[in-house]
Amino acid sequence: MRFHKMHGLGNDFVVVQIEDEFPSDVSELAKQVCDRHTGIGADGLVFITPSEQADVQMRIFNADGTEAQQCGNAVRCVSKYYYERMDNSKTEILVETIRGIQQIVMQVKAGIVELVQVDMGEPILVPSQIPVASKSIHDHVVIEDQSYAFTAVSMGNPHAVIEVETLSDELVKGVGPKIELDKAFPEKANIEFVNIHSPQEITMRVWERGVGETMACGSGACAVLVASHLNGKAERKAMIHLLGGDLLIDWNEEDNHVYMTGPAAFVFTGEYVQNKA
């Protein structure tokens, strides 16, 4: 299986282009490929396949074998791959995902995609559709006698955004996985801890469901901007700082869509032989 290792701000993926039959053991394959000790090592396994509705189709499987509903960083990687490895005839394309068709605009210089803007669609703010087991998107969970207020947002996948004064490993790696599995989130959730510096600048760290802490989460950055704006702490456009770098997020007032702009990069290319021993 020929693959390309790619990343979006450190959120890394094994990207495979296939034209024929989809692997039947894809969940187990994702676990093996993403293992950082015995596999290639990645946060997810991404498949690029033909699409009847768009220029290309993307499916992504987390490191634990579950299929992800949405991944902004992976979409940027797929877009860069498409332009630089498949078809460089246009800088605006459509990518089909489980959530639907996403519109992409690429900034290209000397044949290299430097930045990718992704239309992440409208945020979902109805509790039952996120889903969150609450009558409001604003609620709290109690972990070891400590209460954590959150704002729930779906960007095609569920997020819980929690504002804190200090970002720490204890919060992200200690509390994050416990909130992910809390009964408040029927389908688990991505947990974003945020520190708001100004209405135009926010720092976040994320515990992703099915993966763990990642260097970046595109849909999470979108959820952070939406939640922070709803809470009166941010404007509709802000720079979001993640461990792997920065994303510009814009919640457009006219069409209610959230637009994410950031880079993607190739790391290396190789051939993977599945170990069946």
C-alpha atoms as a PDB file:
ATOM      1  CA  MET A   1       0.000   0.000   0.000  1.00  0.00           C
ATOM      2  CA  ARG A   2       1.641   3.206  -1.187  1.00  0.00           C
ATOM      3  CA  PHE A   3       1.108   6.116   1.187  1.00  0.00           C
ATOM      4  CA  HIS A   4       2.004   9.737   1.804  1.00  0.00           C
ATOM      5  CA  LYS A   5       2.604  10.994   5.338  1.00  0.00           C
ATOM      6  CA  MET A   6       1.094  14.482   5.685  1.00  0.00           C
ATOM      7  CA  HIS A   7       0.168  16.869   8.450  1.00  0.00           C
ATOM      8  CA  GLY A   8      -1.866  19.980   9.120  1.00  0.00           C
ATOM      9  CA  LEU A   9      -0.143  21.920  11.917  1.00  0.00           C
ATOM     10  CA  GLY A  10       1.210  18.686  13.381  1.00  0.00           C
ATOM     11  CA  ASN A  11      -2.113  16.815  13.227  1.00  0.00           C
ATOM     12  CA  ASP A  12      -0.664  13.982  11.132  1.00  0.00           C
ATOM     13  CA  PHE A  13      -2.178  11.498   8.713  1.00  0.00           C
ATOM     14  CA  VAL A  14      -1.283   8.554   6.526  1.00  0.00           C
ATOM     15  CA  VAL A  15      -2.891   9.425   3.186  1.00  0.00           C
ATOM     16  CA  VAL A  16      -3.705   6.689   0.674  1.00  0.00           C
ATOM     17  CA  GLN A  17      -5.193   7.180  -2.792  1.00  0.00           C
ATOM     18  CA  ILE A  18      -7.301   4.270  -4.006  1.00  0.00           C
ATOM     19  CA  GLU A  19      -9.199   3.780  -7.259  1.00  0.00           C
ATOM     20  CA  ASP A  20     -10.661   0.334  -6.691  1.00  0.00           C
ATOM     21  CA  GLU A  21     -12.247  -1.624  -3.839  1.00  0.00           C
ATOM     22  CA  PHE A  22     -12.191  -0.140  -0.342  1.00  0.00           C
ATOM     23  CA  PRO A  23     -10.250  -2.243   2.232  1.00  0.00           C
ATOM     24  CA  SER A  24     -12.567  -4.613   4.129  1.00  0.00           C
ATOM     25  CA  ASP A  25     -10.459  -4.572   7.302  1.00  0.00           C
ATOM     26  CA  VAL A  26     -10.135  -0.805   7.367  1.00  0.00           C
ATOM     27  CA  SER A  27     -10.698  -0.387  11.110  1.00  0.00           C
ATOM     28  CA  GLU A  28      -7.956  -2.831  12.048  1.00  0.00           C
ATOM     29  CA  LEU A  29      -5.745  -1.433   9.285  1.00  0.00           C
ATOM     30  CA  ALA A  30      -6.095   2.073  10.740  1.00  0.00           C
ATOM     31  CA  LYS A  31      -5.025   0.852  14.182  1.00  0.00           C
ATOM     32  CA  GLN A  32      -1.952  -0.868  12.775  1.00  0.00           C
ATOM     33  CA  VAL A  33      -0.927   1.943  10.447  1.00  0.00           C
ATOM     34  CA  CYS A  34      -1.397   4.697  13.043  1.00  0.00           C
ATOM     35  CA  ASP A  35       0.518   2.907  15.817  1.00  0.00           C
ATOM     36  CA  ARG A  36       3.583   5.042  16.520  1.00  0.00           C
ATOM     37  CA  HIS A  37       5.683   2.085  17.689  1.00  0.00           C
ATOM     38  CA  THR A  38       4.841  -0.723  15.264  1.00  0.00           C
ATOM     39  CA  GLY A  39       3.219   1.160  12.375  1.00  0.00           C
ATOM     40  CA  ILE A  40       3.853   4.344  10.412  1.00  0.00           C
ATOM     41  CA  GLY A  41       2.477   6.536  13.172  1.00  0.00           C
ATOM     42  CA  ALA A  42      -0.363   9.027  12.733  1.00  0.00           C
ATOM     43  CA  ASP A  43      -3.503  10.499  14.236  1.00  0.00           C
ATOM     44  CA  GLY A  44      -5.566   9.063  11.403  1.00  0.00           C
ATOM     45  CA  LEU A  45      -5.652   7.056   8.184  1.00  0.00           C
ATOM     46  CA  VAL A  46      -7.100   9.027   5.267  1.00  0.00           C
ATOM     47  CA  PHE A  47      -8.392   7.548   2.024  1.00  0.00           C
ATOM     48  CA  ILE A  48      -8.732   9.606  -1.149  1.00  0.00           C
ATOM     49  CA  THR A  49     -11.242   8.027  -3.528  1.00  0.00           C
ATOM     50  CA  PRO A  50     -13.155   9.038  -6.671  1.00  0.00           C
ATOM     51  CA  SER A  51     -16.398  10.958  -6.200  1.00  0.00           C
ATOM     52  CA  GLU A  52     -19.490  11.225  -8.371  1.00  0.00           C
ATOM     53  CA  GLN A  53     -20.520  14.490  -6.689  1.00  0.00           C
ATOM     54  CA  ALA A  54     -17.244  16.346  -6.167  1.00  0.00           C
ATOM     55  CA  ASP A  55     -13.667  16.481  -7.429  1.00  0.00           C
ATOM     56  CA  VAL A  56     -12.574  13.919  -4.861  1.00  0.00           C
ATOM     57  CA  GLN A  57     -13.865  12.041  -1.822  1.00  0.00           C
ATOM     58  CA  MET A  58     -12.226  11.760   1.602  1.00  0.00           C
ATOM     59  CA  ARG A  59     -12.763   9.207   4.376  1.00  0.00           C
ATOM     60  CA  ILE A  60     -10.780   9.279   7.602  1.00  0.00           C
ATOM     61  CA  PHE A  61     -10.323   6.678  10.311  1.00  0.00           C
ATOM     62  CA  ASN A  62      -8.987   7.598  13.740  1.00  0.00           C
ATOM     63  CA  ALA A  63      -6.059   5.867  15.396  1.00  0.00           C
ATOM     64  CA  ASP A  64      -8.510   3.723  17.394  1.00  0.00           C
ATOM     65  CA  GLY A  65     -10.173   2.446  14.210  1.00  0.00           C
ATOM     66  CA  THR A  66     -13.349   4.526  14.405  1.00  0.00           C
ATOM     67  CA  GLU A  67     -14.429   6.567  11.388  1.00  0.00           C
ATOM     68  CA  ALA A  68     -14.327  10.323  11.894  1.00  0.00           C
ATOM     69  CA  GLN A  69     -17.248  12.464  10.761  1.00  0.00           C
ATOM     70  CA  GLN A  70     -15.218  15.590  10.188  1.00  0.00           C
ATOM     71  CA  CYS A  71     -11.584  16.690  10.186  1.00  0.00           C
ATOM     72  CA  GLY A  72     -10.563  20.116   8.991  1.00  0.00           C
ATOM     73  CA  ASN A  73      -6.829  19.405   9.047  1.00  0.00           C
ATOM     74  CA  ALA A  74      -7.305  16.245   6.971  1.00  0.00           C
ATOM     75  CA  VAL A  75      -9.408  18.137   4.403  1.00  0.00           C
ATOM     76  CA  ARG A  76      -6.576  20.626   3.956  1.00  0.00           C
ATOM     77  CA  CYS A  77      -4.114  17.765   3.450  1.00  0.00           C
ATOM     78  CA  VAL A  78      -6.399  16.103   0.903  1.00  0.00           C
ATOM     79  CA  SER A  79      -6.787  19.399  -0.967  1.00  0.00           C
ATOM     80  CA  LYS A  80      -3.028  19.899  -1.156  1.00  0.00           C
ATOM     81  CA  TYR A  81      -2.584  16.288  -2.278  1.00  0.00           C
ATOM     82  CA  TYR A  82      -5.210  16.709  -4.994  1.00  0.00           C
ATOM     83  CA  TYR A  83      -3.611  19.841  -6.446  1.00  0.00           C
ATOM     84  CA  GLU A  84       0.025  18.724  -6.225  1.00  0.00           C
ATOM     85  CA  ARG A  85      -0.387  15.016  -7.037  1.00  0.00           C
ATOM     86  CA  MET A  86      -3.602  14.629  -9.048  1.00  0.00           C
ATOM     87  CA  ASP A  87      -4.843  17.742 -10.875  1.00  0.00           C
ATOM     88  CA  ASN A  88      -3.379  21.255 -10.758  1.00  0.00           C
ATOM     89  CA  SER A  89      -5.791  22.755 -13.270  1.00  0.00           C
ATOM     90  CA  LYS A  90      -7.769  24.726 -10.678  1.00  0.00           C
ATOM     91  CA  THR A  91      -7.374  26.161  -7.189  1.00  0.00           C
ATOM     92  CA  GLU A  92     -11.025  25.847  -6.182  1.00  0.00           C
ATOM     93  CA  ILE A  93     -12.334  22.312  -5.712  1.00  0.00           C
ATOM     94  CA  LEU A  94     -15.058  20.335  -3.956  1.00  0.00           C
ATOM     95  CA  VAL A  95     -14.253  17.560  -1.477  1.00  0.00           C
ATOM     96  CA  GLU A  96     -16.902  15.006  -0.558  1.00  0.00           C
ATOM     97  CA  THR A  97     -16.934  13.933   3.103  1.00  0.00           C
ATOM     98  CA  ILE A  98     -19.370  12.026   5.315  1.00  0.00           C
ATOM     99  CA  ARG A  99     -20.802  15.352   6.417  1.00  0.00           C
ATOM    100  CA  GLY A 100     -21.324  16.547   2.842  1.00  0.00           C
ATOM    101  CA  ILE A 101     -19.551  18.545   0.143  1.00  0.00           C
ATOM    102  CA  GLN A 102     -16.920  21.009   1.314  1.00  0.00           C
ATOM    103  CA  GLN A 103     -15.787  23.939  -0.804  1.00  0.00           C
ATOM    104  CA  ILE A 104     -12.034  24.515  -0.941  1.00  0.00           C
ATOM    105  CA  VAL A 105     -10.002  27.545  -2.048  1.00  0.00           C
ATOM    106  CA  MET A 106      -6.220  27.112  -2.278  1.00  0.00           C
ATOM    107  CA  GLN A 107      -3.515  29.759  -2.297  1.00  0.00           C
ATOM    108  CA  VAL A 108      -0.768  28.516  -4.618  1.00  0.00           C
ATOM    109  CA  LYS A 109       2.737  29.829  -5.238  1.00  0.00           C
ATOM    110  CA  ALA A 110       5.110  28.296  -7.793  1.00  0.00           C
ATOM    111  CA  GLY A 111       2.988  25.156  -7.969  1.00  0.00           C
ATOM    112  CA  ILE A 112       2.937  24.633  -4.196  1.00  0.00           C
ATOM    113  CA  VAL A 113      -0.226  24.977  -2.083  1.00  0.00           C
ATOM    114  CA  GLU A 114       0.700  27.333   0.748  1.00  0.00           C
ATOM    115  CA  LEU A 115      -2.690  27.868   2.391  1.00  0.00           C
ATOM    116  CA  VAL A 116      -6.062  26.156   2.149  1.00  0.00           C
ATOM    117  CA  GLN A 117      -9.395  27.737   3.030  1.00  0.00           C
ATOM    118  CA  VAL A 118     -12.104  25.218   3.882  1.00  0.00           C
ATOM    119  CA  ASP A 119     -15.810  25.959   4.092  1.00  0.00           C
ATOM    120  CA  MET A 120     -16.641  23.967   7.235  1.00  0.00           C
ATOM    121  CA  GLY A 121     -20.364  24.649   6.904  1.00  0.00           C
ATOM    122  CA  GLU A 122     -22.801  25.878   9.520  1.00  0.00           C
ATOM    123  CA  PRO A 123     -22.240  25.082  13.189  1.00  0.00           C
ATOM    124  CA  ILE A 124     -24.882  22.854  14.784  1.00  0.00           C
ATOM    125  CA  LEU A 125     -26.207  24.376  17.989  1.00  0.00           C
ATOM    126  CA  VAL A 126     -29.205  22.152  18.748  1.00  0.00           C
ATOM    127  CA  PRO A 127     -28.310  19.951  21.766  1.00  0.00           C
ATOM    128  CA  SER A 128     -29.942  16.766  20.440  1.00  0.00           C
ATOM    129  CA  GLN A 129     -28.150  17.138  17.100  1.00  0.00           C
ATOM    130  CA  ILE A 130     -24.660  17.694  18.532  1.00  0.00           C
ATOM    131  CA  PRO A 131     -25.425  15.461  20.488  1.00  0.00           C
ATOM    132  CA  VAL A 132     -25.251  16.521  24.129  1.00  0.00           C
ATOM    133  CA  ALA A 133     -27.533  15.220  26.882  1.00  0.00           C
ATOM    134  CA  SER A 134     -28.719  18.652  27.936  1.00  0.00           C
ATOM    135  CA  LYS A 135     -31.485  21.118  27.184  1.00  0.00           C
ATOM    136  CA  SER A 136     -28.903  23.792  26.436  1.00  0.00           C
ATOM    137  CA  ILE A 137     -25.532  23.932  24.708  1.00  0.00           C
ATOM    138  CA  HIS A 138     -24.278  25.652  27.872  1.00  0.00           C
ATOM    139  CA  ASP A 139     -23.896  23.179  30.719  1.00  0.00           C
ATOM    140  CA  HIS A 140     -21.297  21.594  32.972  1.00  0.00           C
ATOM    141  CA  VAL A 141     -19.817  18.246  33.916  1.00  0.00           C
ATOM    142  CA  VAL A 142     -18.387  17.223  37.277  1.00  0.00           C
ATOM    143  CA  ILE A 143     -15.100  15.332  37.248  1.00  0.00           C
ATOM    144  CA  GLU A 144     -13.692  14.267  40.635  1.00  0.00           C
ATOM    145  CA  ASP A 145     -15.743  16.915  42.461  1.00  0.00           C
ATOM    146  CA  GLN A 146     -14.578  19.664  40.100  1.00  0.00           C
ATOM    147  CA  SER A 147     -17.154  21.381  37.878  1.00  0.00           C
ATOM    148  CA  TYR A 148     -16.259  22.286  34.300  1.00  0.00           C
ATOM    149  CA  ALA A 149     -18.590  24.617  32.394  1.00  0.00           C
ATOM    150  CA  PHE A 150     -18.712  23.916  28.666  1.00  0.00           C
ATOM    151  CA  THR A 151     -20.325  25.154  25.486  1.00  0.00           C
ATOM    152  CA  ALA A 152     -21.256  22.347  23.111  1.00  0.00           C
ATOM    153  CA  VAL A 153     -20.938  22.843  19.357  1.00  0.00           C
ATOM    154  CA  SER A 154     -20.999  20.422  16.446  1.00  0.00           C
ATOM    155  CA  MET A 155     -19.007  21.056  13.291  1.00  0.00           C
ATOM    156  CA  GLY A 156     -20.136  17.707  11.929  1.00  0.00           C
ATOM    157  CA  ASN A 157     -18.587  16.144  15.043  1.00  0.00           C
ATOM    158  CA  PRO A 158     -19.276  16.990  18.712  1.00  0.00           C
ATOM    159  CA  HIS A 159     -17.126  19.456  20.647  1.00  0.00           C
ATOM    160  CA  ALA A 160     -17.149  20.725  24.219  1.00  0.00           C
ATOM    161  CA  VAL A 161     -15.354  24.045  24.618  1.00  0.00           C
ATOM    162  CA  ILE A 162     -14.116  24.893  28.116  1.00  0.00           C
ATOM    163  CA  GLU A 163     -12.559  28.249  28.983  1.00  0.00           C
ATOM    164  CA  VAL A 164      -9.757  28.067  31.547  1.00  0.00           C
ATOM    165  CA  GLU A 165      -7.177  30.460  32.986  1.00  0.00           C
ATOM    166  CA  THR A 166      -4.221  28.128  32.481  1.00  0.00           C
ATOM    167  CA  LEU A 167      -3.676  25.382  29.914  1.00  0.00           C
ATOM    168  CA  SER A 168      -1.888  22.390  31.390  1.00  0.00           C
ATOM    169  CA  ASP A 169      -1.129  18.709  30.820  1.00  0.00           C
ATOM    170  CA  GLU A 170      -3.144  17.939  33.935  1.00  0.00           C
ATOM    171  CA  LEU A 171      -6.234  19.430  32.318  1.00  0.00           C
ATOM    172  CA  VAL A 172      -5.803  18.208  28.763  1.00  0.00           C
ATOM    173  CA  LYS A 173      -4.407  14.729  29.370  1.00  0.00           C
ATOM    174  CA  GLY A 174      -5.907  14.128  32.795  1.00  0.00           C
ATOM    175  CA  VAL A 175      -9.374  15.677  32.685  1.00  0.00           C
ATOM    176  CA  GLY A 176      -9.863  15.683  28.890  1.00  0.00           C
ATOM    177  CA  PRO A 177     -10.308  11.912  28.448  1.00  0.00           C
ATOM    178  CA  LYS A 178     -12.727  11.750  31.377  1.00  0.00           C
ATOM    179  CA  ILE A 179     -14.926  14.488  29.923  1.00  0.00           C
ATOM    180  CA  GLU A 180     -14.766  12.800  26.490  1.00  0.00           C
ATOM    181  CA  LEU A 181     -16.397   9.720  27.999  1.00  0.00           C
ATOM    182  CA  ASP A 182     -18.833  11.541  30.283  1.00  0.00           C
ATOM    183  CA  LYS A 183     -22.514  10.605  30.023  1.00  0.00           C
ATOM    184  CA  ALA A 184     -23.215  14.175  28.901  1.00  0.00           C
ATOM    185  CA  PHE A 185     -21.909  13.171  25.460  1.00  0.00           C
ATOM    186  CA  PRO A 186     -23.765  10.146  24.018  1.00  0.00           C
ATOM    187  CA  GLU A 187     -21.294   9.837  21.126  1.00  0.00           C
ATOM    188  CA  LYS A 188     -18.292  11.043  23.124  1.00  0.00           C
ATOM    189  CA  ALA A 189     -16.842  14.465  22.299  1.00  0.00           C
ATOM    190  CA  ASN A 190     -13.729  16.372  21.371  1.00  0.00           C
ATOM    191  CA  ILE A 191     -12.700  18.482  24.357  1.00  0.00           C
ATOM    192  CA  GLU A 192     -11.167  21.922  23.788  1.00  0.00           C
ATOM    193  CA  PHE A 193      -9.565  23.850  26.636  1.00  0.00           C
ATOM    194  CA  VAL A 194      -9.158  27.509  25.719  1.00  0.00           C
ATOM    195  CA  ASN A 195      -7.457  30.632  26.979  1.00  0.00           C
ATOM    196  CA  ILE A 196      -8.913  33.809  25.474  1.00  0.00           C
ATOM    197  CA  HIS A 197      -6.343  36.592  25.112  1.00  0.00           C
ATOM    198  CA  SER A 198      -8.539  39.061  23.226  1.00  0.00           C
ATOM    199  CA  PRO A 199     -11.622  39.053  20.976  1.00  0.00           C
ATOM    200  CA  GLN A 200      -9.299  38.297  18.028  1.00  0.00           C
ATOM    201  CA  GLU A 201      -6.830  35.869  19.620  1.00  0.00           C
ATOM    202  CA  ILE A 202      -7.354  32.529  21.385  1.00  0.00           C
ATOM    203  CA  THR A 203      -5.044  29.705  22.428  1.00  0.00           C
ATOM    204  CA  MET A 204      -6.411  26.157  22.636  1.00  0.00           C
ATOM    205  CA  ARG A 205      -5.384  22.595  23.361  1.00  0.00           C
ATOM    206  CA  VAL A 206      -7.537  19.656  22.370  1.00  0.00           C
ATOM    207  CA  TRP A 207      -8.228  16.130  23.498  1.00  0.00           C
ATOM    208  CA  GLU A 208      -9.687  14.414  20.415  1.00  0.00           C
ATOM    209  CA  ARG A 209     -12.083  11.518  20.793  1.00  0.00           C
ATOM    210  CA  GLY A 210     -10.602   8.315  19.489  1.00  0.00           C
ATOM    211  CA  VAL A 211      -7.111   9.812  19.263  1.00  0.00           C
ATOM    212  CA  GLY A 212      -5.927  11.665  22.384  1.00  0.00           C
ATOM    213  CA  GLU A 213      -4.214  15.028  22.448  1.00  0.00           C
ATOM    214  CA  THR A 214      -3.253  16.247  18.982  1.00  0.00           C
ATOM    215  CA  MET A 215      -1.115  19.136  17.802  1.00  0.00           C
ATOM    216  CA  ALA A 216      -4.122  20.684  16.073  1.00  0.00           C
ATOM    217  CA  CYS A 217      -7.813  20.159  15.352  1.00  0.00           C
ATOM    218  CA  GLY A 218      -9.412  22.154  12.561  1.00  0.00           C
ATOM    219  CA  SER A 219     -13.037  21.455  13.439  1.00  0.00           C
ATOM    220  CA  GLY A 220     -12.114  22.076  17.077  1.00  0.00           C
ATOM    221  CA  ALA A 221     -10.692  25.506  16.245  1.00  0.00           C
ATOM    222  CA  CYS A 222     -13.959  26.319  14.464  1.00  0.00           C
ATOM    223  CA  ALA A 223     -15.978  25.167  17.468  1.00  0.00           C
ATOM    224  CA  VAL A 224     -13.788  27.280  19.762  1.00  0.00           C
ATOM    225  CA  LEU A 225     -14.437  30.419  17.712  1.00  0.00           C
ATOM    226  CA  VAL A 226     -18.195  29.768  17.583  1.00  0.00           C
ATOM    227  CA  ALA A 227     -18.448  29.025  21.314  1.00  0.00           C
ATOM    228  CA  SER A 228     -16.293  32.000  22.282  1.00  0.00           C
ATOM    229  CA  HIS A 229     -18.373  34.336  20.129  1.00  0.00           C
ATOM    230  CA  LEU A 230     -21.636  32.987  21.546  1.00  0.00           C
ATOM    231  CA  ASN A 231     -20.254  33.603  25.035  1.00  0.00           C
ATOM    232  CA  GLY A 232     -19.406  37.207  24.171  1.00  0.00           C
ATOM    233  CA  LYS A 233     -15.663  36.636  24.405  1.00  0.00           C
ATOM    234  CA  ALA A 234     -14.606  36.748  20.740  1.00  0.00           C
ATOM    235  CA  GLU A 235     -15.478  38.415  17.481  1.00  0.00           C
ATOM    236  CA  ARG A 236     -16.612  36.412  14.465  1.00  0.00           C
ATOM    237  CA  LYS A 237     -13.077  36.287  13.091  1.00  0.00           C
ATOM    238  CA  ALA A 238     -10.046  35.361  15.167  1.00  0.00           C
ATOM    239  CA  MET A 239      -6.628  33.748  15.088  1.00  0.00           C
ATOM    240  CA  ILE A 240      -6.609  30.449  16.948  1.00  0.00           C
ATOM    241  CA  HIS A 241      -3.238  29.322  18.313  1.00  0.00           C
ATOM    242  CA  LEU A 242      -2.725  25.547  18.544  1.00  0.00           C
ATOM    243  CA  LEU A 243       0.310  23.515  19.570  1.00  0.00           C
ATOM    244  CA  GLY A 244       1.198  22.967  15.904  1.00  0.00           C
ATOM    245  CA  GLY A 245       0.592  26.502  14.664  1.00  0.00           C
ATOM    246  CA  ASP A 246      -2.177  28.973  13.838  1.00  0.00           C
ATOM    247  CA  LEU A 247      -5.537  28.801  12.089  1.00  0.00           C
ATOM    248  CA  LEU A 248      -7.584  31.777  10.961  1.00  0.00           C
ATOM    249  CA  ILE A 249     -11.256  31.103  11.679  1.00  0.00           C
ATOM    250  CA  ASP A 250     -14.085  33.237  10.291  1.00  0.00           C
ATOM    251  CA  TRP A 251     -17.755  32.681  11.205  1.00  0.00           C
ATOM    252  CA  ASN A 252     -19.370  34.527   8.319  1.00  0.00           C
ATOM    253  CA  GLU A 253     -22.450  36.455   9.354  1.00  0.00           C
ATOM    254  CA  GLU A 254     -24.033  36.434   5.889  1.00  0.00           C
ATOM    255  CA  ASP A 255     -24.150  32.690   5.178  1.00  0.00           C
ATOM    256  CA  ASN A 256     -23.579  31.430   8.760  1.00  0.00           C
ATOM    257  CA  HIS A 257     -20.735  29.215   7.516  1.00  0.00           C
ATOM    258  CA  VAL A 258     -17.431  28.853   9.335  1.00  0.00           C
ATOM    259  CA  TYR A 259     -14.305  29.247   7.188  1.00  0.00           C
ATOM    260  CA  MET A 260     -10.953  27.842   8.261  1.00  0.00           C
ATOM    261  CA  THR A 261      -7.648  28.872   6.666  1.00  0.00           C
ATOM    262  CA  GLY A 262      -4.328  27.174   7.341  1.00  0.00           C
ATOM    263  CA  PRO A 263      -1.438  25.183   5.853  1.00  0.00           C
ATOM    264  CA  ALA A 264      -0.826  21.514   5.093  1.00  0.00           C
ATOM    265  CA  ALA A 265       2.428  19.717   4.370  1.00  0.00           C
ATOM    266  CA  PHE A 266       3.928  16.538   2.929  1.00  0.00           C
ATOM    267  CA  VAL A 267       6.381  14.695   5.196  1.00  0.00           C
ATOM    268  CA  PHE A 268       7.426  11.574   3.305  1.00  0.00           C
ATOM    269  CA  THR A 269       6.226   8.830   0.967  1.00  0.00           C
ATOM    270  CA  GLY A 270       6.538   5.085   1.426  1.00  0.00           C
ATOM    271  CA  GLU A 271       5.180   1.596   0.922  1.00  0.00           C
ATOM    272  CA  TYR A 272       3.329  -0.130   3.775  1.00  0.00           C
ATOM    273  CA  VAL A 273       3.209  -3.919   4.004  1.00  0.00           C
ATOM    274  CA  GLN A 274       0.583  -5.111   6.477  1.00  0.00           C
ATOM    275  CA  ASN A 275       1.993  -7.354   9.194  1.00  0.00           C
ATOM    276  CA  LYS A 276      -0.298 -10.346   9.577  1.00  0.00           C
ATOM    277  CA  ALA A 277       1.980 -12.287  11.970  1.00  0.00           C
END
